[in-house]
Amino acid sequence: MSDKIGIVVQLDNYFEGPNVKLFQMLQGGFIQPCVKRNREQISSSKMIEKVVNRKNKLKGYRQVVSNGGSAGVDGMSVKELSSHLRENRDRIVTAVLMGKYLPQFILGAAIPKSNGKKRLLGIPTVTDRLLQQAVHQVIGPKFEVEFMVLIPCKDLCR
């Protein structure tokens, strides 16, 4: 077995056109491409429909609730999200489908770092977090690059 660390990269049509030169460079190095094919091609309007699909929103809602977190600028907690969605679901979905939905402002918070300084943190509203999660669940698998690192056992034991 070689002492080299090998990486298998799975990409969708990445090594076509101008990326051929990069592909050739990677072939001589440690990275070996494994191109995924036959991924579903959908239009942006169908993708948005998938984002606001009931099952996808429910999955996103469960993830947001399990993550918890602070309220955004609107002051709404994760516990209040369910009742907010019951009252405003149709308005939110229509706004998203029409391209009229505008996320609310981000609440800025400074959290202390171990070195005594502070780090700025942006906290979106829970409604915006739900929509971000719903979008992530739809487009994430389409654009995600998967890496599998192959490390020989003797390198792990050092």
N, C-alpha and C. Protein backbone atom coordinates (compact mmCIF):
# COMPACT_ATOMS: atom_id res chain seq x y z
N MET A 1 0.83 -1.19 0.00
CA MET A 1 0.00 0.00 0.00
C MET A 1 0.88 1.25 0.00
N SER A 2 0.45 2.28 -0.68
CA SER A 2 1.21 3.52 -0.81
C SER A 2 1.07 4.38 0.44
N ASP A 3 2.06 5.26 0.67
CA ASP A 3 2.00 6.20 1.78
C ASP A 3 1.20 7.44 1.42
N LYS A 4 0.73 7.54 0.19
CA LYS A 4 0.01 8.72 -0.26
C LYS A 4 -1.41 8.73 0.30
N ILE A 5 -1.94 9.93 0.46
CA ILE A 5 -3.33 10.09 0.85
C ILE A 5 -4.11 10.31 -0.44
N GLY A 6 -5.10 9.48 -0.68
CA GLY A 6 -5.90 9.60 -1.89
C GLY A 6 -7.24 10.21 -1.56
N ILE A 7 -7.75 11.01 -2.46
CA ILE A 7 -9.06 11.63 -2.28
C ILE A 7 -9.90 11.34 -3.51
N VAL A 8 -11.09 10.82 -3.31
CA VAL A 8 -12.01 10.60 -4.41
C VAL A 8 -13.01 11.74 -4.38
N VAL A 9 -13.13 12.47 -5.48
CA VAL A 9 -14.03 13.61 -5.56
C VAL A 9 -15.17 13.25 -6.50
N GLN A 10 -16.39 13.40 -6.04
CA GLN A 10 -17.53 13.13 -6.90
C GLN A 10 -18.16 14.46 -7.29
N LEU A 11 -18.17 14.76 -8.58
CA LEU A 11 -18.70 16.02 -9.08
C LEU A 11 -19.65 15.75 -10.22
N ASP A 12 -20.54 16.67 -10.48
CA ASP A 12 -21.50 16.53 -11.57
C ASP A 12 -21.03 17.37 -12.76
N ASN A 13 -20.56 16.70 -13.80
CA ASN A 13 -20.11 17.36 -15.04
C ASN A 13 -19.05 18.42 -14.78
N TYR A 14 -18.23 18.26 -13.77
CA TYR A 14 -17.26 19.29 -13.41
C TYR A 14 -16.10 19.33 -14.39
N PHE A 15 -15.71 18.19 -14.90
CA PHE A 15 -14.52 18.14 -15.73
C PHE A 15 -14.85 18.19 -17.21
N GLU A 16 -15.66 19.16 -17.58
CA GLU A 16 -15.98 19.40 -18.98
C GLU A 16 -15.58 20.82 -19.34
N GLY A 17 -15.30 21.06 -20.59
CA GLY A 17 -14.97 22.41 -21.04
C GLY A 17 -13.66 22.92 -20.46
N PRO A 18 -13.67 24.13 -19.85
CA PRO A 18 -12.44 24.73 -19.36
C PRO A 18 -11.81 23.97 -18.20
N ASN A 19 -12.55 23.06 -17.60
CA ASN A 19 -12.01 22.33 -16.46
C ASN A 19 -11.21 21.10 -16.86
N VAL A 20 -11.08 20.84 -18.18
CA VAL A 20 -10.34 19.67 -18.64
C VAL A 20 -8.89 19.75 -18.21
N LYS A 21 -8.28 20.96 -18.29
CA LYS A 21 -6.89 21.12 -17.90
C LYS A 21 -6.71 20.80 -16.41
N LEU A 22 -7.65 21.28 -15.59
CA LEU A 22 -7.61 20.99 -14.16
C LEU A 22 -7.74 19.49 -13.94
N PHE A 23 -8.62 18.85 -14.70
CA PHE A 23 -8.82 17.41 -14.61
C PHE A 23 -7.51 16.67 -14.88
N GLN A 24 -6.80 17.12 -15.93
CA GLN A 24 -5.54 16.46 -16.29
C GLN A 24 -4.50 16.65 -15.19
N MET A 25 -4.48 17.84 -14.56
CA MET A 25 -3.55 18.08 -13.46
C MET A 25 -3.88 17.18 -12.28
N LEU A 26 -5.17 17.03 -12.00
CA LEU A 26 -5.58 16.23 -10.87
C LEU A 26 -5.30 14.75 -11.08
N GLN A 27 -5.35 14.30 -12.34
CA GLN A 27 -5.06 12.89 -12.61
C GLN A 27 -3.64 12.53 -12.22
N GLY A 28 -2.70 13.45 -12.41
CA GLY A 28 -1.31 13.18 -12.06
C GLY A 28 -1.05 13.32 -10.58
N GLY A 29 -1.95 13.96 -9.84
CA GLY A 29 -1.77 14.17 -8.41
C GLY A 29 -2.51 13.14 -7.59
N PHE A 30 -2.91 13.54 -6.42
CA PHE A 30 -3.55 12.63 -5.49
C PHE A 30 -5.06 12.56 -5.67
N ILE A 31 -5.65 13.54 -6.34
CA ILE A 31 -7.10 13.59 -6.44
C ILE A 31 -7.57 12.89 -7.69
N GLN A 32 -8.49 11.96 -7.52
CA GLN A 32 -9.03 11.21 -8.65
C GLN A 32 -10.51 11.53 -8.76
N PRO A 33 -10.95 12.09 -9.88
CA PRO A 33 -12.37 12.43 -10.01
C PRO A 33 -13.24 11.22 -10.29
N CYS A 34 -14.41 11.26 -9.77
CA CYS A 34 -15.43 10.26 -10.05
C CYS A 34 -16.68 11.05 -10.41
N VAL A 35 -16.94 11.23 -11.69
CA VAL A 35 -18.00 12.12 -12.14
C VAL A 35 -19.35 11.42 -12.02
N LYS A 36 -20.28 12.06 -11.32
CA LYS A 36 -21.63 11.53 -11.21
C LYS A 36 -22.43 12.00 -12.42
N ARG A 37 -23.21 11.13 -12.98
CA ARG A 37 -24.03 11.46 -14.14
C ARG A 37 -25.50 11.21 -13.83
N ASN A 38 -26.34 11.58 -14.77
CA ASN A 38 -27.78 11.32 -14.71
C ASN A 38 -28.47 11.95 -13.51
N ARG A 39 -28.00 13.09 -13.07
CA ARG A 39 -28.73 13.79 -12.01
C ARG A 39 -29.93 14.46 -12.64
N GLU A 40 -31.00 14.55 -11.88
CA GLU A 40 -32.24 15.14 -12.36
C GLU A 40 -32.03 16.62 -12.70
N GLN A 41 -32.43 17.01 -13.89
CA GLN A 41 -32.35 18.40 -14.31
C GLN A 41 -33.74 19.02 -14.16
N ILE A 42 -33.87 20.07 -13.35
CA ILE A 42 -35.17 20.70 -13.18
C ILE A 42 -35.03 22.21 -13.34
N SER A 43 -36.13 22.85 -13.75
CA SER A 43 -36.11 24.30 -13.92
C SER A 43 -36.17 24.98 -12.57
N SER A 44 -35.85 26.27 -12.55
CA SER A 44 -35.86 27.01 -11.28
C SER A 44 -37.27 27.09 -10.70
N SER A 45 -38.30 27.19 -11.54
CA SER A 45 -39.67 27.26 -11.01
C SER A 45 -40.07 25.94 -10.35
N LYS A 46 -39.66 24.82 -10.96
CA LYS A 46 -39.95 23.52 -10.33
C LYS A 46 -39.14 23.36 -9.05
N MET A 47 -37.94 23.92 -9.03
CA MET A 47 -37.12 23.84 -7.82
C MET A 47 -37.78 24.63 -6.69
N ILE A 48 -38.32 25.80 -7.00
CA ILE A 48 -39.00 26.61 -5.99
C ILE A 48 -40.24 25.87 -5.49
N GLU A 49 -40.95 25.20 -6.40
CA GLU A 49 -42.10 24.40 -5.98
C GLU A 49 -41.67 23.30 -5.03
N LYS A 50 -40.51 22.70 -5.27
CA LYS A 50 -40.00 21.68 -4.36
C LYS A 50 -39.65 22.28 -3.00
N VAL A 51 -39.14 23.52 -3.00
CA VAL A 51 -38.79 24.19 -1.74
C VAL A 51 -40.03 24.37 -0.87
N VAL A 52 -41.13 24.81 -1.48
CA VAL A 52 -42.34 25.09 -0.70
C VAL A 52 -43.28 23.88 -0.60
N ASN A 53 -42.83 22.74 -1.09
CA ASN A 53 -43.59 21.51 -0.95
C ASN A 53 -43.84 21.22 0.53
N ARG A 54 -45.03 20.76 0.86
CA ARG A 54 -45.43 20.54 2.25
C ARG A 54 -44.47 19.63 3.01
N LYS A 55 -44.09 18.50 2.39
CA LYS A 55 -43.16 17.56 3.06
C LYS A 55 -41.81 18.21 3.32
N ASN A 56 -41.31 18.97 2.33
CA ASN A 56 -40.02 19.62 2.48
C ASN A 56 -40.06 20.67 3.59
N LYS A 57 -41.14 21.45 3.63
CA LYS A 57 -41.27 22.47 4.69
C LYS A 57 -41.37 21.82 6.06
N LEU A 58 -42.09 20.70 6.14
CA LEU A 58 -42.22 20.00 7.42
C LEU A 58 -40.87 19.47 7.89
N LYS A 59 -40.11 18.92 6.97
CA LYS A 59 -38.76 18.45 7.30
C LYS A 59 -37.88 19.62 7.76
N GLY A 60 -37.99 20.75 7.06
CA GLY A 60 -37.24 21.95 7.44
C GLY A 60 -37.67 22.47 8.80
N TYR A 61 -38.98 22.45 9.04
CA TYR A 61 -39.51 22.90 10.33
C TYR A 61 -38.93 22.05 11.46
N ARG A 62 -38.95 20.74 11.29
CA ARG A 62 -38.42 19.83 12.33
C ARG A 62 -36.93 20.11 12.59
N GLN A 63 -36.19 20.39 11.53
CA GLN A 63 -34.76 20.67 11.69
C GLN A 63 -34.55 21.99 12.44
N VAL A 64 -35.30 23.02 12.10
CA VAL A 64 -35.18 24.32 12.77
C VAL A 64 -35.54 24.18 14.25
N VAL A 65 -36.61 23.46 14.53
CA VAL A 65 -37.02 23.26 15.93
C VAL A 65 -35.96 22.48 16.69
N SER A 66 -35.40 21.44 16.08
CA SER A 66 -34.37 20.65 16.78
C SER A 66 -33.08 21.46 16.99
N ASN A 67 -32.79 22.39 16.07
CA ASN A 67 -31.60 23.23 16.23
C ASN A 67 -31.80 24.28 17.33
N GLY A 68 -33.05 24.67 17.55
CA GLY A 68 -33.33 25.70 18.55
C GLY A 68 -32.78 27.03 18.10
N GLY A 69 -32.19 27.77 19.02
CA GLY A 69 -31.60 29.06 18.67
C GLY A 69 -32.41 30.22 19.17
N SER A 70 -31.83 31.37 19.05
CA SER A 70 -32.45 32.60 19.53
C SER A 70 -33.41 33.18 18.51
N ALA A 71 -34.25 34.08 19.00
CA ALA A 71 -35.18 34.79 18.13
C ALA A 71 -34.42 35.83 17.31
N GLY A 72 -34.95 36.13 16.14
CA GLY A 72 -34.36 37.16 15.29
C GLY A 72 -34.93 38.53 15.63
N VAL A 73 -34.88 39.44 14.67
CA VAL A 73 -35.33 40.82 14.91
C VAL A 73 -36.82 40.91 15.22
N ASP A 74 -37.60 39.93 14.78
CA ASP A 74 -39.04 39.96 15.05
C ASP A 74 -39.39 39.47 16.46
N GLY A 75 -38.42 38.92 17.17
CA GLY A 75 -38.63 38.47 18.54
C GLY A 75 -39.37 37.14 18.65
N MET A 76 -39.66 36.47 17.53
CA MET A 76 -40.39 35.21 17.55
C MET A 76 -39.44 34.06 17.88
N SER A 77 -39.81 33.27 18.89
CA SER A 77 -39.01 32.12 19.26
C SER A 77 -39.37 30.92 18.39
N VAL A 78 -38.56 29.89 18.47
CA VAL A 78 -38.81 28.66 17.71
C VAL A 78 -40.13 28.04 18.16
N LYS A 79 -40.46 28.18 19.44
CA LYS A 79 -41.72 27.62 19.96
C LYS A 79 -42.95 28.28 19.33
N GLU A 80 -42.83 29.52 18.92
CA GLU A 80 -43.95 30.25 18.33
C GLU A 80 -44.08 30.01 16.82
N LEU A 81 -43.12 29.35 16.22
CA LEU A 81 -43.10 29.18 14.77
C LEU A 81 -44.31 28.41 14.26
N SER A 82 -44.71 27.37 14.96
CA SER A 82 -45.83 26.55 14.51
C SER A 82 -47.11 27.38 14.35
N SER A 83 -47.45 28.17 15.36
CA SER A 83 -48.68 28.97 15.27
C SER A 83 -48.54 30.07 14.22
N HIS A 84 -47.34 30.63 14.09
CA HIS A 84 -47.09 31.65 13.06
C HIS A 84 -47.31 31.06 11.67
N LEU A 85 -46.83 29.84 11.45
CA LEU A 85 -46.99 29.21 10.14
C LEU A 85 -48.44 28.85 9.86
N ARG A 86 -49.19 28.43 10.87
CA ARG A 86 -50.62 28.13 10.67
C ARG A 86 -51.36 29.37 10.17
N GLU A 87 -51.01 30.52 10.73
CA GLU A 87 -51.70 31.77 10.36
C GLU A 87 -51.19 32.36 9.04
N ASN A 88 -49.90 32.17 8.74
CA ASN A 88 -49.28 32.88 7.62
C ASN A 88 -48.72 31.99 6.51
N ARG A 89 -48.94 30.70 6.59
CA ARG A 89 -48.35 29.76 5.63
C ARG A 89 -48.67 30.13 4.19
N ASP A 90 -49.93 30.34 3.90
CA ASP A 90 -50.33 30.63 2.52
C ASP A 90 -49.70 31.92 2.00
N ARG A 91 -49.65 32.94 2.84
CA ARG A 91 -49.05 34.22 2.44
C ARG A 91 -47.56 34.05 2.15
N ILE A 92 -46.86 33.27 3.00
CA ILE A 92 -45.42 33.05 2.81
C ILE A 92 -45.16 32.25 1.54
N VAL A 93 -45.91 31.16 1.34
CA VAL A 93 -45.73 30.32 0.15
C VAL A 93 -46.02 31.11 -1.12
N THR A 94 -47.09 31.88 -1.12
CA THR A 94 -47.42 32.70 -2.30
C THR A 94 -46.31 33.70 -2.60
N ALA A 95 -45.80 34.34 -1.56
CA ALA A 95 -44.71 35.31 -1.75
C ALA A 95 -43.47 34.63 -2.33
N VAL A 96 -43.15 33.44 -1.85
CA VAL A 96 -41.98 32.71 -2.37
C VAL A 96 -42.20 32.33 -3.83
N LEU A 97 -43.36 31.77 -4.13
CA LEU A 97 -43.66 31.35 -5.51
C LEU A 97 -43.68 32.51 -6.49
N MET A 98 -44.12 33.68 -6.03
CA MET A 98 -44.19 34.87 -6.89
C MET A 98 -42.85 35.62 -6.96
N GLY A 99 -41.88 35.18 -6.17
CA GLY A 99 -40.59 35.87 -6.14
C GLY A 99 -40.64 37.17 -5.38
N LYS A 100 -41.61 37.31 -4.50
CA LYS A 100 -41.81 38.56 -3.75
C LYS A 100 -41.37 38.45 -2.29
N TYR A 101 -40.97 37.25 -1.86
CA TYR A 101 -40.59 37.09 -0.45
C TYR A 101 -39.27 37.81 -0.19
N LEU A 102 -39.25 38.61 0.84
CA LEU A 102 -38.03 39.30 1.26
C LEU A 102 -37.69 38.88 2.68
N PRO A 103 -36.51 38.34 2.89
CA PRO A 103 -36.13 37.97 4.25
C PRO A 103 -36.02 39.22 5.12
N GLN A 104 -36.26 39.04 6.41
CA GLN A 104 -36.18 40.16 7.32
C GLN A 104 -34.72 40.46 7.65
N PHE A 105 -34.51 41.56 8.33
CA PHE A 105 -33.16 41.94 8.73
C PHE A 105 -32.59 40.91 9.69
N ILE A 106 -31.29 40.89 9.77
CA ILE A 106 -30.56 39.97 10.65
C ILE A 106 -30.30 40.69 11.98
N LEU A 107 -30.53 39.99 13.08
CA LEU A 107 -30.23 40.54 14.39
C LEU A 107 -28.75 40.33 14.67
N GLY A 108 -28.04 41.40 14.95
CA GLY A 108 -26.62 41.30 15.25
C GLY A 108 -26.40 41.05 16.73
N ALA A 109 -25.49 40.15 17.03
CA ALA A 109 -25.14 39.86 18.42
C ALA A 109 -23.63 39.66 18.48
N ALA A 110 -23.02 40.10 19.57
CA ALA A 110 -21.58 39.91 19.76
C ALA A 110 -21.40 38.83 20.81
N ILE A 111 -20.66 37.79 20.46
CA ILE A 111 -20.40 36.73 21.43
C ILE A 111 -18.92 36.72 21.77
N PRO A 112 -18.58 36.44 23.03
CA PRO A 112 -17.17 36.47 23.44
C PRO A 112 -16.38 35.30 22.87
N LYS A 113 -15.14 35.58 22.52
CA LYS A 113 -14.21 34.55 22.06
C LYS A 113 -13.27 34.20 23.21
N SER A 114 -12.55 33.12 23.08
CA SER A 114 -11.64 32.67 24.15
C SER A 114 -10.49 33.64 24.39
N ASN A 115 -10.14 34.44 23.38
CA ASN A 115 -9.02 35.38 23.53
C ASN A 115 -9.47 36.73 24.12
N GLY A 116 -10.72 36.82 24.55
CA GLY A 116 -11.22 38.05 25.15
C GLY A 116 -11.91 38.99 24.18
N LYS A 117 -11.70 38.80 22.90
CA LYS A 117 -12.36 39.63 21.89
C LYS A 117 -13.78 39.12 21.67
N LYS A 118 -14.51 39.83 20.82
CA LYS A 118 -15.88 39.43 20.51
C LYS A 118 -16.02 39.13 19.03
N ARG A 119 -16.92 38.21 18.74
CA ARG A 119 -17.20 37.83 17.36
C ARG A 119 -18.63 38.21 17.06
N LEU A 120 -18.83 38.85 15.90
CA LEU A 120 -20.19 39.23 15.51
C LEU A 120 -20.93 38.02 14.94
N LEU A 121 -22.18 37.91 15.32
CA LEU A 121 -23.01 36.81 14.90
C LEU A 121 -24.31 37.38 14.34
N GLY A 122 -24.75 36.89 13.21
CA GLY A 122 -26.02 37.32 12.63
C GLY A 122 -27.09 36.28 12.88
N ILE A 123 -28.21 36.68 13.45
CA ILE A 123 -29.29 35.76 13.78
C ILE A 123 -30.51 36.07 12.92
N PRO A 124 -30.84 35.18 11.96
CA PRO A 124 -32.03 35.40 11.14
C PRO A 124 -33.29 35.06 11.93
N THR A 125 -34.44 35.51 11.43
CA THR A 125 -35.71 35.15 12.06
C THR A 125 -35.94 33.65 11.88
N VAL A 126 -36.80 33.07 12.71
CA VAL A 126 -37.05 31.63 12.58
C VAL A 126 -37.76 31.31 11.27
N THR A 127 -38.59 32.21 10.77
CA THR A 127 -39.24 31.99 9.48
C THR A 127 -38.19 31.93 8.36
N ASP A 128 -37.23 32.85 8.42
CA ASP A 128 -36.17 32.84 7.42
C ASP A 128 -35.30 31.59 7.56
N ARG A 129 -35.06 31.15 8.79
CA ARG A 129 -34.29 29.91 8.99
C ARG A 129 -35.01 28.72 8.40
N LEU A 130 -36.35 28.69 8.56
CA LEU A 130 -37.13 27.60 7.98
C LEU A 130 -37.00 27.59 6.46
N LEU A 131 -37.13 28.75 5.83
CA LEU A 131 -37.01 28.82 4.38
C LEU A 131 -35.59 28.51 3.92
N GLN A 132 -34.59 28.95 4.67
CA GLN A 132 -33.20 28.62 4.33
C GLN A 132 -32.99 27.11 4.38
N GLN A 133 -33.54 26.48 5.41
CA GLN A 133 -33.42 25.03 5.55
C GLN A 133 -34.14 24.32 4.40
N ALA A 134 -35.33 24.80 4.04
CA ALA A 134 -36.09 24.20 2.94
C ALA A 134 -35.32 24.31 1.62
N VAL A 135 -34.71 25.47 1.38
CA VAL A 135 -33.90 25.65 0.17
C VAL A 135 -32.69 24.72 0.20
N HIS A 136 -32.04 24.66 1.34
CA HIS A 136 -30.85 23.79 1.50
C HIS A 136 -31.19 22.33 1.19
N GLN A 137 -32.32 21.87 1.64
CA GLN A 137 -32.72 20.48 1.44
C GLN A 137 -32.97 20.16 -0.03
N VAL A 138 -33.34 21.17 -0.82
CA VAL A 138 -33.60 20.95 -2.23
C VAL A 138 -32.33 21.11 -3.06
N ILE A 139 -31.59 22.19 -2.85
CA ILE A 139 -30.42 22.42 -3.71
C ILE A 139 -29.13 21.82 -3.16
N GLY A 140 -29.08 21.54 -1.89
CA GLY A 140 -27.87 20.96 -1.30
C GLY A 140 -27.40 19.72 -2.01
N PRO A 141 -28.27 18.72 -2.18
CA PRO A 141 -27.83 17.50 -2.86
C PRO A 141 -27.40 17.72 -4.30
N LYS A 142 -27.89 18.78 -4.95
CA LYS A 142 -27.53 19.03 -6.34
C LYS A 142 -26.13 19.62 -6.49
N PHE A 143 -25.69 20.37 -5.48
CA PHE A 143 -24.42 21.08 -5.60
C PHE A 143 -23.36 20.61 -4.62
N GLU A 144 -23.69 19.62 -3.84
CA GLU A 144 -22.77 19.15 -2.82
C GLU A 144 -21.64 18.35 -3.45
N VAL A 145 -20.44 18.63 -3.03
CA VAL A 145 -19.28 17.86 -3.46
C VAL A 145 -18.97 16.88 -2.36
N GLU A 146 -18.88 15.62 -2.73
CA GLU A 146 -18.63 14.59 -1.74
C GLU A 146 -17.15 14.19 -1.80
N PHE A 147 -16.53 14.17 -0.62
CA PHE A 147 -15.13 13.76 -0.53
C PHE A 147 -15.03 12.51 0.33
N MET A 148 -14.25 11.59 -0.12
CA MET A 148 -13.97 10.42 0.68
C MET A 148 -12.45 10.34 0.78
N VAL A 149 -11.95 10.52 1.97
CA VAL A 149 -10.51 10.53 2.16
C VAL A 149 -10.05 9.11 2.47
N LEU A 150 -9.10 8.65 1.69
CA LEU A 150 -8.54 7.32 1.88
C LEU A 150 -7.17 7.46 2.50
N ILE A 151 -7.03 7.08 3.75
CA ILE A 151 -5.76 7.21 4.46
C ILE A 151 -5.29 5.82 4.85
N PRO A 152 -4.07 5.45 4.46
CA PRO A 152 -3.55 4.14 4.87
C PRO A 152 -3.53 4.03 6.40
N CYS A 153 -3.74 2.82 6.88
CA CYS A 153 -3.84 2.57 8.32
C CYS A 153 -2.60 3.05 9.08
N LYS A 154 -1.41 2.83 8.51
CA LYS A 154 -0.20 3.19 9.25
C LYS A 154 -0.11 4.72 9.46
N ASP A 155 -0.75 5.52 8.55
CA ASP A 155 -0.77 6.98 8.74
C ASP A 155 -1.71 7.37 9.86
N LEU A 156 -2.79 6.61 10.05
CA LEU A 156 -3.71 6.90 11.12
C LEU A 156 -3.12 6.57 12.49
N CYS A 157 -2.22 5.62 12.53
CA CYS A 157 -1.69 5.13 13.80
C CYS A 157 -0.48 5.93 14.28
N ARG A 158 -0.02 6.91 13.52
CA ARG A 158 1.16 7.67 13.93
C ARG A 158 0.89 8.58 15.08
